[in-house]
Amino acid sequence: MGAHDQRAFFNADNRMHEELYRIAGRQRAWAWLEETNLDLERYRWLHVQARGMGWGSILDEHRELVEAVANHDPEEASYVTVHHLHVMLDERDEVISAFPGYFVQGPC
């Protein structure tokens, strides 16, 4: 994070998510995601390119999630996770505007 290396941070973020799946005993779900989430990974990277990394807010959300897991607080962990995912999806119009050739508009 100190080097502002977006790719390294993105990769570390994925490793953290994988570890949370492992802690939850959901390694099979993570393995399935790894095999099928190419579009989500592409979108996440385009989101970073369009919006910037948002280093502070991402780190704060991760700290909140780790704290909820450490405190065995599934409701808080769920809340933080849903918020974390929705922030990225709520900004989709900005991502699509920045990279219109990467997305199909209208019904598929």
PDB file of N, CA and C in Angstrom:
ATOM      1  N   MET A   1       0.820  -1.183   0.000  1.00  0.00           N
ATOM      2  CA  MET A   1       0.000   0.000   0.000  1.00  0.00           C
ATOM      3  C   MET A   1       0.868   1.253   0.000  1.00  0.00           C
ATOM      4  N   GLY A   2       1.949   1.202   0.780  1.00  0.00           N
ATOM      5  CA  GLY A   2       2.848   2.351   0.850  1.00  0.00           C
ATOM      6  C   GLY A   2       3.463   2.696  -0.490  1.00  0.00           C
ATOM      7  N   ALA A   3       3.680   1.692  -1.328  1.00  0.00           N
ATOM      8  CA  ALA A   3       4.267   1.919  -2.650  1.00  0.00           C
ATOM      9  C   ALA A   3       3.202   2.315  -3.674  1.00  0.00           C
ATOM     10  N   HIS A   4       1.946   2.309  -3.263  1.00  0.00           N
ATOM     11  CA  HIS A   4       0.821   2.596  -4.164  1.00  0.00           C
ATOM     12  C   HIS A   4       0.865   1.700  -5.392  1.00  0.00           C
ATOM     13  N   ASP A   5       1.205   0.444  -5.161  1.00  0.00           N
ATOM     14  CA  ASP A   5       1.256  -0.559  -6.226  1.00  0.00           C
ATOM     15  C   ASP A   5      -0.127  -1.201  -6.325  1.00  0.00           C
ATOM     16  N   GLN A   6      -0.924  -0.723  -7.268  1.00  0.00           N
ATOM     17  CA  GLN A   6      -2.301  -1.183  -7.392  1.00  0.00           C
ATOM     18  C   GLN A   6      -2.391  -2.681  -7.662  1.00  0.00           C
ATOM     19  N   ARG A   7      -1.536  -3.192  -8.528  1.00  0.00           N
ATOM     20  CA  ARG A   7      -1.592  -4.617  -8.865  1.00  0.00           C
ATOM     21  C   ARG A   7      -1.243  -5.476  -7.644  1.00  0.00           C
ATOM     22  N   ALA A   8      -0.213  -5.095  -6.905  1.00  0.00           N
ATOM     23  CA  ALA A   8       0.166  -5.868  -5.716  1.00  0.00           C
ATOM     24  C   ALA A   8      -0.940  -5.808  -4.663  1.00  0.00           C
ATOM     25  N   PHE A   9      -1.542  -4.636  -4.499  1.00  0.00           N
ATOM     26  CA  PHE A   9      -2.633  -4.508  -3.534  1.00  0.00           C
ATOM     27  C   PHE A   9      -3.827  -5.351  -3.963  1.00  0.00           C
ATOM     28  N   PHE A  10      -4.145  -5.329  -5.249  1.00  0.00           N
ATOM     29  CA  PHE A  10      -5.248  -6.115  -5.800  1.00  0.00           C
ATOM     30  C   PHE A  10      -5.010  -7.601  -5.549  1.00  0.00           C
ATOM     31  N   ASN A  11      -3.788  -8.065  -5.785  1.00  0.00           N
ATOM     32  CA  ASN A  11      -3.448  -9.474  -5.543  1.00  0.00           C
ATOM     33  C   ASN A  11      -3.528  -9.817  -4.055  1.00  0.00           C
ATOM     34  N   ALA A  12      -3.050  -8.918  -3.195  1.00  0.00           N
ATOM     35  CA  ALA A  12      -3.130  -9.151  -1.751  1.00  0.00           C
ATOM     36  C   ALA A  12      -4.585  -9.174  -1.300  1.00  0.00           C
ATOM     37  N   ASP A  13      -5.404  -8.345  -1.899  1.00  0.00           N
ATOM     38  CA  ASP A  13      -6.835  -8.331  -1.593  1.00  0.00           C
ATOM     39  C   ASP A  13      -7.453  -9.686  -1.921  1.00  0.00           C
ATOM     40  N   ASN A  14      -7.108 -10.239  -3.060  1.00  0.00           N
ATOM     41  CA  ASN A  14      -7.615 -11.565  -3.430  1.00  0.00           C
ATOM     42  C   ASN A  14      -7.146 -12.631  -2.441  1.00  0.00           C
ATOM     43  N   ARG A  15      -5.896 -12.556  -2.012  1.00  0.00           N
ATOM     44  CA  ARG A  15      -5.391 -13.529  -1.030  1.00  0.00           C
ATOM     45  C   ARG A  15      -6.136 -13.403   0.296  1.00  0.00           C
ATOM     46  N   MET A  16      -6.457 -12.162   0.693  1.00  0.00           N
ATOM     47  CA  MET A  16      -7.211 -11.973   1.927  1.00  0.00           C
ATOM     48  C   MET A  16      -8.601 -12.590   1.800  1.00  0.00           C
ATOM     49  N   HIS A  17      -9.256 -12.370   0.663  1.00  0.00           N
ATOM     50  CA  HIS A  17     -10.572 -12.969   0.450  1.00  0.00           C
ATOM     51  C   HIS A  17     -10.483 -14.496   0.501  1.00  0.00           C
ATOM     52  N   GLU A  18      -9.456 -15.041  -0.124  1.00  0.00           N
ATOM     53  CA  GLU A  18      -9.268 -16.493  -0.096  1.00  0.00           C
ATOM     54  C   GLU A  18      -9.103 -16.994   1.336  1.00  0.00           C
ATOM     55  N   GLU A  19      -8.340 -16.274   2.134  1.00  0.00           N
ATOM     56  CA  GLU A  19      -8.124 -16.671   3.523  1.00  0.00           C
ATOM     57  C   GLU A  19      -9.428 -16.633   4.312  1.00  0.00           C
ATOM     58  N   LEU A  20     -10.269 -15.642   4.058  1.00  0.00           N
ATOM     59  CA  LEU A  20     -11.556 -15.573   4.747  1.00  0.00           C
ATOM     60  C   LEU A  20     -12.443 -16.757   4.363  1.00  0.00           C
ATOM     61  N   TYR A  21     -12.411 -17.159   3.106  1.00  0.00           N
ATOM     62  CA  TYR A  21     -13.154 -18.355   2.697  1.00  0.00           C
ATOM     63  C   TYR A  21     -12.602 -19.595   3.410  1.00  0.00           C
ATOM     64  N   ARG A  22     -11.273 -19.660   3.552  1.00  0.00           N
ATOM     65  CA  ARG A  22     -10.664 -20.798   4.248  1.00  0.00           C
ATOM     66  C   ARG A  22     -11.106 -20.829   5.706  1.00  0.00           C
ATOM     67  N   ILE A  23     -11.069 -19.672   6.373  1.00  0.00           N
ATOM     68  CA  ILE A  23     -11.483 -19.587   7.768  1.00  0.00           C
ATOM     69  C   ILE A  23     -12.933 -20.044   7.925  1.00  0.00           C
ATOM     70  N   ALA A  24     -13.763 -19.696   6.944  1.00  0.00           N
ATOM     71  CA  ALA A  24     -15.182 -20.062   6.990  1.00  0.00           C
ATOM     72  C   ALA A  24     -15.418 -21.513   6.574  1.00  0.00           C
ATOM     73  N   GLY A  25     -14.351 -22.215   6.183  1.00  0.00           N
ATOM     74  CA  GLY A  25     -14.509 -23.599   5.743  1.00  0.00           C
ATOM     75  C   GLY A  25     -15.155 -23.708   4.375  1.00  0.00           C
ATOM     76  N   ARG A  26     -14.975 -22.700   3.559  1.00  0.00           N
ATOM     77  CA  ARG A  26     -15.605 -22.646   2.234  1.00  0.00           C
ATOM     78  C   ARG A  26     -14.572 -22.676   1.102  1.00  0.00           C
ATOM     79  N   GLN A  27     -13.553 -23.532   1.273  1.00  0.00           N
ATOM     80  CA  GLN A  27     -12.505 -23.600   0.251  1.00  0.00           C
ATOM     81  C   GLN A  27     -13.069 -24.024  -1.109  1.00  0.00           C
ATOM     82  N   ARG A  28     -14.055 -24.918  -1.099  1.00  0.00           N
ATOM     83  CA  ARG A  28     -14.646 -25.352  -2.381  1.00  0.00           C
ATOM     84  C   ARG A  28     -15.340 -24.189  -3.081  1.00  0.00           C
ATOM     85  N   ALA A  29     -16.008 -23.337  -2.315  1.00  0.00           N
ATOM     86  CA  ALA A  29     -16.665 -22.167  -2.908  1.00  0.00           C
ATOM     87  C   ALA A  29     -15.614 -21.236  -3.511  1.00  0.00           C
ATOM     88  N   TRP A  30     -14.493 -21.038  -2.803  1.00  0.00           N
ATOM     89  CA  TRP A  30     -13.432 -20.180  -3.331  1.00  0.00           C
ATOM     90  C   TRP A  30     -12.844 -20.777  -4.613  1.00  0.00           C
ATOM     91  N   ALA A  31     -12.626 -22.075  -4.607  1.00  0.00           N
ATOM     92  CA  ALA A  31     -12.077 -22.737  -5.793  1.00  0.00           C
ATOM     93  C   ALA A  31     -13.013 -22.546  -6.976  1.00  0.00           C
ATOM     94  N   TRP A  32     -14.323 -22.671  -6.731  1.00  0.00           N
ATOM     95  CA  TRP A  32     -15.292 -22.452  -7.809  1.00  0.00           C
ATOM     96  C   TRP A  32     -15.228 -21.011  -8.297  1.00  0.00           C
ATOM     97  N   LEU A  33     -15.162 -20.052  -7.364  1.00  0.00           N
ATOM     98  CA  LEU A  33     -15.063 -18.647  -7.757  1.00  0.00           C
ATOM     99  C   LEU A  33     -13.812 -18.394  -8.587  1.00  0.00           C
ATOM    100  N   GLU A  34     -12.713 -18.979  -8.178  1.00  0.00           N
ATOM    101  CA  GLU A  34     -11.466 -18.804  -8.912  1.00  0.00           C
ATOM    102  C   GLU A  34     -11.588 -19.290 -10.352  1.00  0.00           C
ATOM    103  N   GLU A  35     -12.364 -20.330 -10.562  1.00  0.00           N
ATOM    104  CA  GLU A  35     -12.530 -20.877 -11.904  1.00  0.00           C
ATOM    105  C   GLU A  35     -13.533 -20.096 -12.751  1.00  0.00           C
ATOM    106  N   THR A  36     -14.463 -19.392 -12.108  1.00  0.00           N
ATOM    107  CA  THR A  36     -15.578 -18.803 -12.850  1.00  0.00           C
ATOM    108  C   THR A  36     -15.667 -17.289 -12.779  1.00  0.00           C
ATOM    109  N   ASN A  37     -14.777 -16.634 -12.072  1.00  0.00           N
ATOM    110  CA  ASN A  37     -14.977 -15.210 -11.830  1.00  0.00           C
ATOM    111  C   ASN A  37     -14.131 -14.285 -12.701  1.00  0.00           C
ATOM    112  N   LEU A  38     -13.775 -14.708 -13.876  1.00  0.00           N
ATOM    113  CA  LEU A  38     -12.962 -13.865 -14.750  1.00  0.00           C
ATOM    114  C   LEU A  38     -13.630 -12.522 -15.012  1.00  0.00           C
ATOM    115  N   ASP A  39     -14.931 -12.521 -15.261  1.00  0.00           N
ATOM    116  CA  ASP A  39     -15.626 -11.261 -15.518  1.00  0.00           C
ATOM    117  C   ASP A  39     -15.616 -10.351 -14.294  1.00  0.00           C
ATOM    118  N   LEU A  40     -15.803 -10.933 -13.103  1.00  0.00           N
ATOM    119  CA  LEU A  40     -15.765 -10.125 -11.892  1.00  0.00           C
ATOM    120  C   LEU A  40     -14.370  -9.557 -11.661  1.00  0.00           C
ATOM    121  N   GLU A  41     -13.349 -10.356 -11.872  1.00  0.00           N
ATOM    122  CA  GLU A  41     -11.973  -9.865 -11.712  1.00  0.00           C
ATOM    123  C   GLU A  41     -11.691  -8.730 -12.698  1.00  0.00           C
ATOM    124  N   ARG A  42     -12.136  -8.905 -13.918  1.00  0.00           N
ATOM    125  CA  ARG A  42     -11.950  -7.844 -14.921  1.00  0.00           C
ATOM    126  C   ARG A  42     -12.669  -6.589 -14.465  1.00  0.00           C
ATOM    127  N   TYR A  43     -13.914  -6.712 -14.022  1.00  0.00           N
ATOM    128  CA  TYR A  43     -14.679  -5.555 -13.557  1.00  0.00           C
ATOM    129  C   TYR A  43     -13.982  -4.889 -12.369  1.00  0.00           C
ATOM    130  N   ARG A  44     -13.518  -5.685 -11.409  1.00  0.00           N
ATOM    131  CA  ARG A  44     -12.844  -5.122 -10.245  1.00  0.00           C
ATOM    132  C   ARG A  44     -11.611  -4.316 -10.657  1.00  0.00           C
ATOM    133  N   TRP A  45     -10.857  -4.844 -11.620  1.00  0.00           N
ATOM    134  CA  TRP A  45      -9.651  -4.125 -12.064  1.00  0.00           C
ATOM    135  C   TRP A  45     -10.027  -2.850 -12.810  1.00  0.00           C
ATOM    136  N   LEU A  46     -11.059  -2.904 -13.640  1.00  0.00           N
ATOM    137  CA  LEU A  46     -11.519  -1.701 -14.337  1.00  0.00           C
ATOM    138  C   LEU A  46     -12.043  -0.674 -13.328  1.00  0.00           C
ATOM    139  N   HIS A  47     -12.683  -1.152 -12.279  1.00  0.00           N
ATOM    140  CA  HIS A  47     -13.168  -0.258 -11.227  1.00  0.00           C
ATOM    141  C   HIS A  47     -12.001   0.497 -10.597  1.00  0.00           C
ATOM    142  N   VAL A  48     -10.925  -0.225 -10.325  1.00  0.00           N
ATOM    143  CA  VAL A  48      -9.725   0.413  -9.766  1.00  0.00           C
ATOM    144  C   VAL A  48      -9.176   1.444 -10.750  1.00  0.00           C
ATOM    145  N   GLN A  49      -9.156   1.113 -12.029  1.00  0.00           N
ATOM    146  CA  GLN A  49      -8.618   2.032 -13.026  1.00  0.00           C
ATOM    147  C   GLN A  49      -9.506   3.273 -13.182  1.00  0.00           C
ATOM    148  N   ALA A  50     -10.804   3.095 -13.103  1.00  0.00           N
ATOM    149  CA  ALA A  50     -11.729   4.218 -13.281  1.00  0.00           C
ATOM    150  C   ALA A  50     -11.809   5.100 -12.041  1.00  0.00           C
ATOM    151  N   ARG A  51     -11.786   4.501 -10.864  1.00  0.00           N
ATOM    152  CA  ARG A  51     -12.033   5.236  -9.624  1.00  0.00           C
ATOM    153  C   ARG A  51     -10.770   5.495  -8.802  1.00  0.00           C
ATOM    154  N   GLY A  52      -9.691   4.823  -9.148  1.00  0.00           N
ATOM    155  CA  GLY A  52      -8.534   4.869  -8.265  1.00  0.00           C
ATOM    156  C   GLY A  52      -8.707   3.799  -7.204  1.00  0.00           C
ATOM    157  N   MET A  53      -7.706   3.594  -6.426  1.00  0.00           N
ATOM    158  CA  MET A  53      -7.717   2.476  -5.497  1.00  0.00           C
ATOM    159  C   MET A  53      -8.582   2.741  -4.272  1.00  0.00           C
ATOM    160  N   GLY A  54      -8.677   3.958  -3.804  1.00  0.00           N
ATOM    161  CA  GLY A  54      -9.424   4.192  -2.574  1.00  0.00           C
ATOM    162  C   GLY A  54      -8.780   3.477  -1.403  1.00  0.00           C
ATOM    163  N   TRP A  55      -7.467   3.629  -1.304  1.00  0.00           N
ATOM    164  CA  TRP A  55      -6.659   2.892  -0.342  1.00  0.00           C
ATOM    165  C   TRP A  55      -7.244   2.924   1.066  1.00  0.00           C
ATOM    166  N   GLY A  56      -7.530   4.112   1.556  1.00  0.00           N
ATOM    167  CA  GLY A  56      -7.980   4.255   2.932  1.00  0.00           C
ATOM    168  C   GLY A  56      -9.298   3.564   3.205  1.00  0.00           C
ATOM    169  N   SER A  57     -10.276   3.770   2.321  1.00  0.00           N
ATOM    170  CA  SER A  57     -11.596   3.169   2.566  1.00  0.00           C
ATOM    171  C   SER A  57     -11.551   1.656   2.456  1.00  0.00           C
ATOM    172  N   ILE A  58     -10.786   1.129   1.511  1.00  0.00           N
ATOM    173  CA  ILE A  58     -10.669  -0.326   1.374  1.00  0.00           C
ATOM    174  C   ILE A  58     -10.005  -0.910   2.619  1.00  0.00           C
ATOM    175  N   LEU A  59      -8.948  -0.278   3.067  1.00  0.00           N
ATOM    176  CA  LEU A  59      -8.251  -0.766   4.261  1.00  0.00           C
ATOM    177  C   LEU A  59      -9.164  -0.714   5.488  1.00  0.00           C
ATOM    178  N   ASP A  60      -9.929   0.370   5.625  1.00  0.00           N
ATOM    179  CA  ASP A  60     -10.867   0.472   6.746  1.00  0.00           C
ATOM    180  C   ASP A  60     -11.898  -0.642   6.703  1.00  0.00           C
ATOM    181  N   GLU A  61     -12.455  -0.909   5.518  1.00  0.00           N
ATOM    182  CA  GLU A  61     -13.442  -1.983   5.383  1.00  0.00           C
ATOM    183  C   GLU A  61     -12.827  -3.343   5.720  1.00  0.00           C
ATOM    184  N   HIS A  62     -11.601  -3.567   5.271  1.00  0.00           N
ATOM    185  CA  HIS A  62     -10.935  -4.838   5.574  1.00  0.00           C
ATOM    186  C   HIS A  62     -10.675  -4.964   7.072  1.00  0.00           C
ATOM    187  N   ARG A  63     -10.267  -3.888   7.699  1.00  0.00           N
ATOM    188  CA  ARG A  63     -10.045  -3.932   9.148  1.00  0.00           C
ATOM    189  C   ARG A  63     -11.355  -4.248   9.882  1.00  0.00           C
ATOM    190  N   GLU A  64     -12.444  -3.619   9.445  1.00  0.00           N
ATOM    191  CA  GLU A  64     -13.753  -3.891  10.068  1.00  0.00           C
ATOM    192  C   GLU A  64     -14.133  -5.360   9.895  1.00  0.00           C
ATOM    193  N   LEU A  65     -13.878  -5.904   8.723  1.00  0.00           N
ATOM    194  CA  LEU A  65     -14.218  -7.300   8.471  1.00  0.00           C
ATOM    195  C   LEU A  65     -13.368  -8.243   9.318  1.00  0.00           C
ATOM    196  N   VAL A  66     -12.074  -7.997   9.369  1.00  0.00           N
ATOM    197  CA  VAL A  66     -11.182  -8.837  10.181  1.00  0.00           C
ATOM    198  C   VAL A  66     -11.587  -8.749  11.652  1.00  0.00           C
ATOM    199  N   GLU A  67     -11.923  -7.561  12.111  1.00  0.00           N
ATOM    200  CA  GLU A  67     -12.356  -7.392  13.499  1.00  0.00           C
ATOM    201  C   GLU A  67     -13.646  -8.175  13.769  1.00  0.00           C
ATOM    202  N   ALA A  68     -14.594  -8.116  12.849  1.00  0.00           N
ATOM    203  CA  ALA A  68     -15.851  -8.853  13.029  1.00  0.00           C
ATOM    204  C   ALA A  68     -15.597 -10.354  13.075  1.00  0.00           C
ATOM    205  N   VAL A  69     -14.713 -10.846  12.213  1.00  0.00           N
ATOM    206  CA  VAL A  69     -14.385 -12.276  12.209  1.00  0.00           C
ATOM    207  C   VAL A  69     -13.677 -12.642  13.511  1.00  0.00           C
ATOM    208  N   ALA A  70     -12.721 -11.828  13.922  1.00  0.00           N
ATOM    209  CA  ALA A  70     -11.981 -12.104  15.163  1.00  0.00           C
ATOM    210  C   ALA A  70     -12.907 -12.092  16.381  1.00  0.00           C
ATOM    211  N   ASN A  71     -13.942 -11.256  16.328  1.00  0.00           N
ATOM    212  CA  ASN A  71     -14.896 -11.162  17.433  1.00  0.00           C
ATOM    213  C   ASN A  71     -16.041 -12.169  17.317  1.00  0.00           C
ATOM    214  N   HIS A  72     -15.958 -13.028  16.314  1.00  0.00           N
ATOM    215  CA  HIS A  72     -17.009 -14.032  16.090  1.00  0.00           C
ATOM    216  C   HIS A  72     -18.387 -13.372  15.993  1.00  0.00           C
ATOM    217  N   ASP A  73     -18.447 -12.284  15.193  1.00  0.00           N
ATOM    218  CA  ASP A  73     -19.675 -11.506  15.038  1.00  0.00           C
ATOM    219  C   ASP A  73     -20.171 -11.652  13.593  1.00  0.00           C
ATOM    220  N   PRO A  74     -20.935 -12.712  13.318  1.00  0.00           N
ATOM    221  CA  PRO A  74     -21.352 -12.957  11.932  1.00  0.00           C
ATOM    222  C   PRO A  74     -22.247 -11.868  11.358  1.00  0.00           C
ATOM    223  N   GLU A  75     -23.079 -11.232  12.193  1.00  0.00           N
ATOM    224  CA  GLU A  75     -23.932 -10.169  11.661  1.00  0.00           C
ATOM    225  C   GLU A  75     -23.112  -8.983  11.172  1.00  0.00           C
ATOM    226  N   GLU A  76     -22.114  -8.592  11.960  1.00  0.00           N
ATOM    227  CA  GLU A  76     -21.265  -7.477  11.546  1.00  0.00           C
ATOM    228  C   GLU A  76     -20.433  -7.865  10.324  1.00  0.00           C
ATOM    229  N   ALA A  77     -19.916  -9.081  10.323  1.00  0.00           N
ATOM    230  CA  ALA A  77     -19.126  -9.537   9.171  1.00  0.00           C
ATOM    231  C   ALA A  77     -19.983  -9.522   7.910  1.00  0.00           C
ATOM    232  N   SER A  78     -21.216  -9.964   8.019  1.00  0.00           N
ATOM    233  CA  SER A  78     -22.124  -9.961   6.872  1.00  0.00           C
ATOM    234  C   SER A  78     -22.407  -8.537   6.408  1.00  0.00           C
ATOM    235  N   TYR A  79     -22.686  -7.644   7.352  1.00  0.00           N
ATOM    236  CA  TYR A  79     -22.961  -6.248   7.014  1.00  0.00           C
ATOM    237  C   TYR A  79     -21.778  -5.610   6.286  1.00  0.00           C
ATOM    238  N   VAL A  80     -20.590  -5.780   6.851  1.00  0.00           N
ATOM    239  CA  VAL A  80     -19.390  -5.176   6.246  1.00  0.00           C
ATOM    240  C   VAL A  80     -19.156  -5.764   4.852  1.00  0.00           C
ATOM    241  N   THR A  81     -19.347  -7.069   4.696  1.00  0.00           N
ATOM    242  CA  THR A  81     -19.144  -7.720   3.406  1.00  0.00           C
ATOM    243  C   THR A  81     -20.116  -7.191   2.371  1.00  0.00           C
ATOM    244  N   VAL A  82     -21.392  -7.123   2.724  1.00  0.00           N
ATOM    245  CA  VAL A  82     -22.404  -6.624   1.781  1.00  0.00           C
ATOM    246  C   VAL A  82     -22.097  -5.178   1.394  1.00  0.00           C
ATOM    247  N   HIS A  83     -21.749  -4.356   2.378  1.00  0.00           N
ATOM    248  CA  HIS A  83     -21.410  -2.959   2.075  1.00  0.00           C
ATOM    249  C   HIS A  83     -20.206  -2.887   1.142  1.00  0.00           C
ATOM    250  N   HIS A  84     -19.190  -3.689   1.427  1.00  0.00           N
ATOM    251  CA  HIS A  84     -17.964  -3.725   0.625  1.00  0.00           C
ATOM    252  C   HIS A  84     -18.289  -4.056  -0.836  1.00  0.00           C
ATOM    253  N   LEU A  85     -19.141  -5.031  -1.052  1.00  0.00           N
ATOM    254  CA  LEU A  85     -19.512  -5.426  -2.416  1.00  0.00           C
ATOM    255  C   LEU A  85     -20.392  -4.383  -3.088  1.00  0.00           C
ATOM    256  N   HIS A  86     -21.317  -3.799  -2.358  1.00  0.00           N
ATOM    257  CA  HIS A  86     -22.241  -2.841  -2.961  1.00  0.00           C
ATOM    258  C   HIS A  86     -21.560  -1.547  -3.368  1.00  0.00           C
ATOM    259  N   VAL A  87     -20.551  -1.123  -2.631  1.00  0.00           N
ATOM    260  CA  VAL A  87     -19.834   0.098  -3.007  1.00  0.00           C
ATOM    261  C   VAL A  87     -19.293  -0.043  -4.425  1.00  0.00           C
ATOM    262  N   MET A  88     -18.667  -1.175  -4.698  1.00  0.00           N
ATOM    263  CA  MET A  88     -18.097  -1.402  -6.025  1.00  0.00           C
ATOM    264  C   MET A  88     -19.198  -1.444  -7.082  1.00  0.00           C
ATOM    265  N   LEU A  89     -20.283  -2.132  -6.799  1.00  0.00           N
ATOM    266  CA  LEU A  89     -21.359  -2.264  -7.777  1.00  0.00           C
ATOM    267  C   LEU A  89     -22.141  -0.964  -7.946  1.00  0.00           C
ATOM    268  N   ASP A  90     -22.269  -0.180  -6.894  1.00  0.00           N
ATOM    269  CA  ASP A  90     -22.979   1.093  -6.982  1.00  0.00           C
ATOM    270  C   ASP A  90     -22.264   2.079  -7.896  1.00  0.00           C
ATOM    271  N   GLU A  91     -20.989   1.871  -8.118  1.00  0.00           N
ATOM    272  CA  GLU A  91     -20.191   2.766  -8.965  1.00  0.00           C
ATOM    273  C   GLU A  91     -20.051   2.228 -10.386  1.00  0.00           C
ATOM    274  N   ARG A  92     -20.890   1.273 -10.756  1.00  0.00           N
ATOM    275  CA  ARG A  92     -20.756   0.628 -12.061  1.00  0.00           C
ATOM    276  C   ARG A  92     -20.944   1.589 -13.225  1.00  0.00           C
ATOM    277  N   ASP A  93     -21.820   2.589 -13.099  1.00  0.00           N
ATOM    278  CA  ASP A  93     -22.029   3.519 -14.212  1.00  0.00           C
ATOM    279  C   ASP A  93     -20.743   4.269 -14.548  1.00  0.00           C
ATOM    280  N   GLU A  94     -19.992   4.619 -13.525  1.00  0.00           N
ATOM    281  CA  GLU A  94     -18.718   5.298 -13.751  1.00  0.00           C
ATOM    282  C   GLU A  94     -17.729   4.376 -14.467  1.00  0.00           C
ATOM    283  N   VAL A  95     -17.703   3.116 -14.086  1.00  0.00           N
ATOM    284  CA  VAL A  95     -16.813   2.153 -14.728  1.00  0.00           C
ATOM    285  C   VAL A  95     -17.224   1.942 -16.180  1.00  0.00           C
ATOM    286  N   ILE A  96     -18.509   1.762 -16.406  1.00  0.00           N
ATOM    287  CA  ILE A  96     -19.010   1.550 -17.767  1.00  0.00           C
ATOM    288  C   ILE A  96     -18.729   2.781 -18.630  1.00  0.00           C
ATOM    289  N   SER A  97     -18.895   3.977 -18.081  1.00  0.00           N
ATOM    290  CA  SER A  97     -18.608   5.204 -18.829  1.00  0.00           C
ATOM    291  C   SER A  97     -17.134   5.316 -19.185  1.00  0.00           C
ATOM    292  N   ALA A  98     -16.273   4.867 -18.271  1.00  0.00           N
ATOM    293  CA  ALA A  98     -14.829   4.948 -18.513  1.00  0.00           C
ATOM    294  C   ALA A  98     -14.367   3.921 -19.544  1.00  0.00           C
ATOM    295  N   PHE A  99     -15.066   2.776 -19.633  1.00  0.00           N
ATOM    296  CA  PHE A  99     -14.665   1.689 -20.530  1.00  0.00           C
ATOM    297  C   PHE A  99     -15.879   1.145 -21.286  1.00  0.00           C
ATOM    298  N   PRO A 100     -16.541   1.978 -22.085  1.00  0.00           N
ATOM    299  CA  PRO A 100     -17.795   1.544 -22.714  1.00  0.00           C
ATOM    300  C   PRO A 100     -17.632   0.370 -23.667  1.00  0.00           C
ATOM    301  N   GLY A 101     -16.492   0.221 -24.283  1.00  0.00           N
ATOM    302  CA  GLY A 101     -16.281  -0.870 -25.225  1.00  0.00           C
ATOM    303  C   GLY A 101     -16.131  -2.236 -24.573  1.00  0.00           C
ATOM    304  N   TYR A 102     -16.044  -2.262 -23.252  1.00  0.00           N
ATOM    305  CA  TYR A 102     -15.870  -3.514 -22.533  1.00  0.00           C
ATOM    306  C   TYR A 102     -17.186  -4.130 -22.082  1.00  0.00           C
ATOM    307  N   PHE A 103     -18.287  -3.402 -22.267  1.00  0.00           N
ATOM    308  CA  PHE A 103     -19.575  -3.835 -21.725  1.00  0.00           C
ATOM    309  C   PHE A 103     -20.643  -3.848 -22.820  1.00  0.00           C
ATOM    310  N   VAL A 104     -21.559  -4.779 -22.700  1.00  0.00           N
ATOM    311  CA  VAL A 104     -22.709  -4.864 -23.589  1.00  0.00           C
ATOM    312  C   VAL A 104     -23.848  -4.123 -22.916  1.00  0.00           C
ATOM    313  N   GLN A 105     -24.474  -3.209 -23.628  1.00  0.00           N
ATOM    314  CA  GLN A 105     -25.601  -2.464 -23.080  1.00  0.00           C
ATOM    315  C   GLN A 105     -26.904  -3.141 -23.470  1.00  0.00           C
ATOM    316  N   GLY A 106     -27.875  -3.114 -22.593  1.00  0.00           N
ATOM    317  CA  GLY A 106     -29.191  -3.665 -22.883  1.00  0.00           C
ATOM    318  C   GLY A 106     -29.267  -5.129 -22.541  1.00  0.00           C
ATOM    319  N   PRO A 107     -30.408  -5.740 -22.874  1.00  0.00           N
ATOM    320  CA  PRO A 107     -30.606  -7.173 -22.540  1.00  0.00           C
ATOM    321  C   PRO A 107     -29.625  -8.053 -23.301  1.00  0.00           C
ATOM    322  N   CYS A 108     -29.199  -9.085 -22.620  1.00  0.00           N
ATOM    323  CA  CYS A 108     -28.247 -10.029 -23.233  1.00  0.00           C
ATOM    324  C   CYS A 108     -28.979 -11.151 -23.919  1.00  0.00           C
TER     325      CYS A 108
END
